[in-house]
C-alpha atoms as a PDB file:
ATOM      1  CA  ALA A   1      -0.026   0.043  -0.006  1.00  0.00           C
ATOM      2  CA  THR A   2       1.194   3.504  -0.915  1.00  0.00           C
ATOM      3  CA  LEU A   3       1.003   6.044   2.100  1.00  0.00           C
ATOM      4  CA  ILE A   4       0.211   9.698   1.040  1.00  0.00           C
ATOM      5  CA  PRO A   5       2.873  11.737   2.306  1.00  0.00           C
ATOM      6  CA  GLY A   6       1.605  13.469   5.507  1.00  0.00           C
ATOM      7  CA  ALA A   7      -1.561  11.335   6.021  1.00  0.00           C
ATOM      8  CA  THR A   8       0.262   9.649   9.202  1.00  0.00           C
ATOM      9  CA  ILE A   9       0.011  13.446  10.525  1.00  0.00           C
ATOM     10  CA  VAL A  10      -2.800  15.158   9.223  1.00  0.00           C
ATOM     11  CA  GLY A  11      -5.356  12.273   9.586  1.00  0.00           C
ATOM     12  CA  PRO A  12      -4.782  12.108  13.368  1.00  0.00           C
ATOM     13  CA  ILE A  13      -4.858  16.057  13.478  1.00  0.00           C
ATOM     14  CA  ALA A  14      -8.306  15.841  11.459  1.00  0.00           C
ATOM     15  CA  ALA A  15      -9.664  13.482  13.919  1.00  0.00           C
ATOM     16  CA  LEU A  16      -8.553  15.412  16.928  1.00  0.00           C
ATOM     17  CA  VAL A  17     -10.067  18.610  15.438  1.00  0.00           C
ATOM     18  CA  ALA A  18     -13.164  16.866  15.004  1.00  0.00           C
ATOM     19  CA  PHE A  19     -13.320  15.562  18.038  1.00  0.00           C
ATOM     20  CA  ALA A  20     -12.527  18.613  19.521  1.00  0.00           C
ATOM     21  CA  LEU A  21     -15.433  20.338  17.823  1.00  0.00           C
ATOM     22  CA  TRP A  22     -17.849  17.666  18.716  1.00  0.00           C
ATOM     23  CA  ALA A  23     -16.547  17.987  22.538  1.00  0.00           C
ATOM     24  CA  SER A  24     -17.141  21.799  22.143  1.00  0.00           C
ATOM     25  CA  SER A  25     -20.640  21.360  20.882  1.00  0.00           C
ATOM     26  CA  VAL A  26     -21.796  18.744  23.610  1.00  0.00           C
ATOM     27  CA  SER A  27     -19.968  21.051  26.440  1.00  0.00           C
ATOM     28  CA  GLU A  28     -21.882  24.143  25.082  1.00  0.00           C
ATOM     29  CA  ARG A  29     -25.240  22.338  24.777  1.00  0.00           C
ATOM     30  CA  SER A  30     -24.801  20.942  28.608  1.00  0.00           C
ATOM     31  CA  LEU A  31     -24.045  24.526  29.536  1.00  0.00           C
ATOM     32  CA  TRP A  32     -27.237  25.435  27.839  1.00  0.00           C
ATOM     33  CA  VAL A  33     -29.563  22.907  29.126  1.00  0.00           C
ATOM     34  CA  ILE A  34     -28.056  23.410  32.574  1.00  0.00           C
ATOM     35  CA  GLN A  35     -28.921  27.183  32.131  1.00  0.00           C
ATOM     36  CA  CYS A  36     -32.398  26.505  31.047  1.00  0.00           C
ATOM     37  CA  LEU A  37     -33.065  24.083  33.750  1.00  0.00           C
ATOM     38  CA  MET A  38     -31.514  26.883  36.442  1.00  0.00           C
ATOM     39  CA  ALA A  39     -33.672  29.496  34.709  1.00  0.00           C
ATOM     40  CA  TYR A  40     -36.767  27.455  34.810  1.00  0.00           C
ATOM     41  CA  VAL A  41     -36.502  26.449  38.799  1.00  0.00           C
ATOM     42  CA  VAL A  42     -35.583  30.054  39.874  1.00  0.00           C
ATOM     43  CA  ASN A  43     -38.788  31.631  37.594  1.00  0.00           C
ATOM     44  CA  LEU A  44     -41.297  28.830  38.688  1.00  0.00           C
ATOM     45  CA  THR A  45     -40.207  29.528  42.561  1.00  0.00           C
ATOM     46  CA  ILE A  46     -40.254  33.363  42.216  1.00  0.00           C
ATOM     47  CA  LEU A  47     -43.630  33.143  40.130  1.00  0.00           C
ATOM     48  CA  MET A  48     -44.887  30.920  43.233  1.00  0.00           C
ATOM     49  CA  GLU A  49     -43.983  33.778  45.503  1.00  0.00           C
ATOM     50  CA  LEU A  50     -45.433  36.471  43.574  1.00  0.00           C
ATOM     51  CA  LEU A  51     -48.557  34.459  43.555  1.00  0.00           C
ATOM     52  CA  PHE A  52     -48.386  33.759  47.214  1.00  0.00           C
ATOM     53  CA  LEU A  53     -48.025  37.225  47.883  1.00  0.00           C
ATOM     54  CA  LYS A  54     -50.675  38.531  45.653  1.00  0.00           C
ATOM     55  CA  ILE A  55     -53.281  35.795  47.344  1.00  0.00           C
ATOM     56  CA  ARG A  56     -52.095  36.977  50.645  1.00  0.00           C
ATOM     57  CA  GLN A  57     -52.440  40.873  49.423  1.00  0.00           C
ATOM     58  CA  LEU A  58     -56.289  40.114  48.213  1.00  0.00           C
ATOM     59  CA  GLY A  59     -57.141  38.826  51.755  1.00  0.00           C
ATOM     60  CA  GLY A  60     -56.266  35.134  51.705  1.00  0.00           C
ATOM     61  CA  ILE A  61     -57.005  31.698  49.845  1.00  0.00           C
ATOM     62  CA  ARG A  62     -59.305  32.277  46.988  1.00  0.00           C
ATOM     63  CA  PRO A  63     -59.419  31.594  43.370  1.00  0.00           C
ATOM     64  CA  LEU A  64     -57.722  34.265  41.410  1.00  0.00           C
ATOM     65  CA  SER A  65     -58.914  35.444  38.020  1.00  0.00           C
ATOM     66  CA  GLU A  66     -57.373  34.456  34.716  1.00  0.00           C
ATOM     67  CA  GLN A  67     -56.628  38.518  34.653  1.00  0.00           C
ATOM     68  CA  VAL A  68     -54.938  38.530  37.725  1.00  0.00           C
ATOM     69  CA  LEU A  69     -52.802  35.612  36.641  1.00  0.00           C
ATOM     70  CA  ASN A  70     -51.680  36.990  33.540  1.00  0.00           C
ATOM     71  CA  GLU A  71     -51.060  40.398  34.904  1.00  0.00           C
ATOM     72  CA  ILE A  72     -48.704  38.602  37.392  1.00  0.00           C
ATOM     73  CA  LEU A  73     -47.168  36.761  34.419  1.00  0.00           C
ATOM     74  CA  GLU A  74     -46.762  39.873  32.276  1.00  0.00           C
ATOM     75  CA  GLU A  75     -45.256  42.020  35.303  1.00  0.00           C
ATOM     76  CA  PHE A  76     -42.486  39.296  35.782  1.00  0.00           C
ATOM     77  CA  GLN A  77     -41.919  39.055  32.058  1.00  0.00           C
ATOM     78  CA  ASP A  78     -41.317  42.349  31.549  1.00  0.00           C
ATOM     79  CA  SER A  79     -39.075  42.887  34.832  1.00  0.00           C
ATOM     80  CA  ALA A  80     -35.827  43.890  35.786  1.00  0.00           C
ATOM     81  CA  ARG A  81     -35.788  40.985  38.311  1.00  0.00           C
ATOM     82  CA  LYS A  82     -36.024  38.410  35.793  1.00  0.00           C
ATOM     83  CA  ARG A  83     -33.563  39.976  33.523  1.00  0.00           C
ATOM     84  CA  ASP A  84     -31.263  39.991  36.385  1.00  0.00           C
ATOM     85  CA  ILE A  85     -31.887  36.585  37.662  1.00  0.00           C
ATOM     86  CA  HIS A  86     -31.280  35.424  34.103  1.00  0.00           C
ATOM     87  CA  GLU A  87     -28.056  37.527  33.836  1.00  0.00           C
ATOM     88  CA  GLU A  88     -26.865  35.904  37.241  1.00  0.00           C
ATOM     89  CA  ILE A  89     -27.524  32.484  36.076  1.00  0.00           C
ATOM     90  CA  LYS A  90     -25.801  33.078  32.546  1.00  0.00           C
ATOM     91  CA  SER A  91     -22.649  34.343  34.025  1.00  0.00           C
ATOM     92  CA  PHE A  92     -22.550  31.609  36.501  1.00  0.00           C
ATOM     93  CA  VAL A  93     -22.987  29.044  33.982  1.00  0.00           C
ATOM     94  CA  LYS A  94     -19.796  30.821  31.886  1.00  0.00           C
ATOM     95  CA  THR A  95     -17.668  30.718  35.202  1.00  0.00           C
ATOM     96  CA  ASN A  96     -19.440  27.605  36.626  1.00  0.00           C
ATOM     97  CA  GLU A  97     -17.909  28.665  40.050  1.00  0.00           C
ATOM     98  CA  GLN A  98     -19.493  26.465  42.317  1.00  0.00           C
ATOM     99  CA  ASP A  99     -22.399  24.067  42.678  1.00  0.00           C
ATOM    100  CA  VAL A 100     -25.435  24.098  40.457  1.00  0.00           C
ATOM    101  CA  LEU A 101     -27.889  23.369  43.105  1.00  0.00           C
ATOM    102  CA  GLU A 102     -26.437  25.780  45.379  1.00  0.00           C
ATOM    103  CA  LYS A 103     -26.205  28.525  43.144  1.00  0.00           C
ATOM    104  CA  VAL A 104     -30.205  27.693  42.297  1.00  0.00           C
ATOM    105  CA  VAL A 105     -30.846  28.065  46.022  1.00  0.00           C
ATOM    106  CA  GLN A 106     -28.707  31.228  46.431  1.00  0.00           C
ATOM    107  CA  VAL A 107     -30.508  32.895  43.741  1.00  0.00           C
ATOM    108  CA  ILE A 108     -33.960  32.091  44.871  1.00  0.00           C
ATOM    109  CA  GLU A 109     -33.252  33.103  48.462  1.00  0.00           C
ATOM    110  CA  LYS A 110     -31.797  36.418  47.133  1.00  0.00           C
ATOM    111  CA  TYR A 111     -34.770  36.981  44.856  1.00  0.00           C
ATOM    112  CA  ARG A 112     -37.527  36.008  47.699  1.00  0.00           C
ATOM    113  CA  ALA A 113     -35.838  38.455  50.011  1.00  0.00           C
ATOM    114  CA  ASP A 114     -36.410  41.416  47.683  1.00  0.00           C
ATOM    115  CA  LEU A 115     -39.967  40.328  47.413  1.00  0.00           C
ATOM    116  CA  LYS A 116     -40.673  40.015  50.888  1.00  0.00           C
ATOM    117  CA  ALA A 117     -38.944  43.615  51.465  1.00  0.00           C
ATOM    118  CA  GLU A 118     -41.287  45.064  48.629  1.00  0.00           C
ATOM    119  CA  SER A 119     -44.409  43.572  50.105  1.00  0.00           C
ATOM    120  CA  ALA A 120     -43.471  44.439  53.705  1.00  0.00           C
END
């Protein structure tokens, strides 16, 4: 068999580059999935807290109208709070400075404290 000059070097390098691109893609997707899951958990928790505060404000346990629910969702959707939460999560995922669960709890506690201070 005739070897093409340089094939013994180019082949493994090409394979290494392909592997690096694949690993990078998997890593980026994994970080994206972590970021999405973290945002989902924090958003859901903060929305539940907002609902609780609204129910308390209206005088206790009672059914909420669809209009009230939509107002709460819209208010959160357009809020600086949501943008701040997502920026904090995005920056965490990029630096990966600590345990994900620990960070989720930390972000929830931080923004729950803000809600409690606002409602007091």
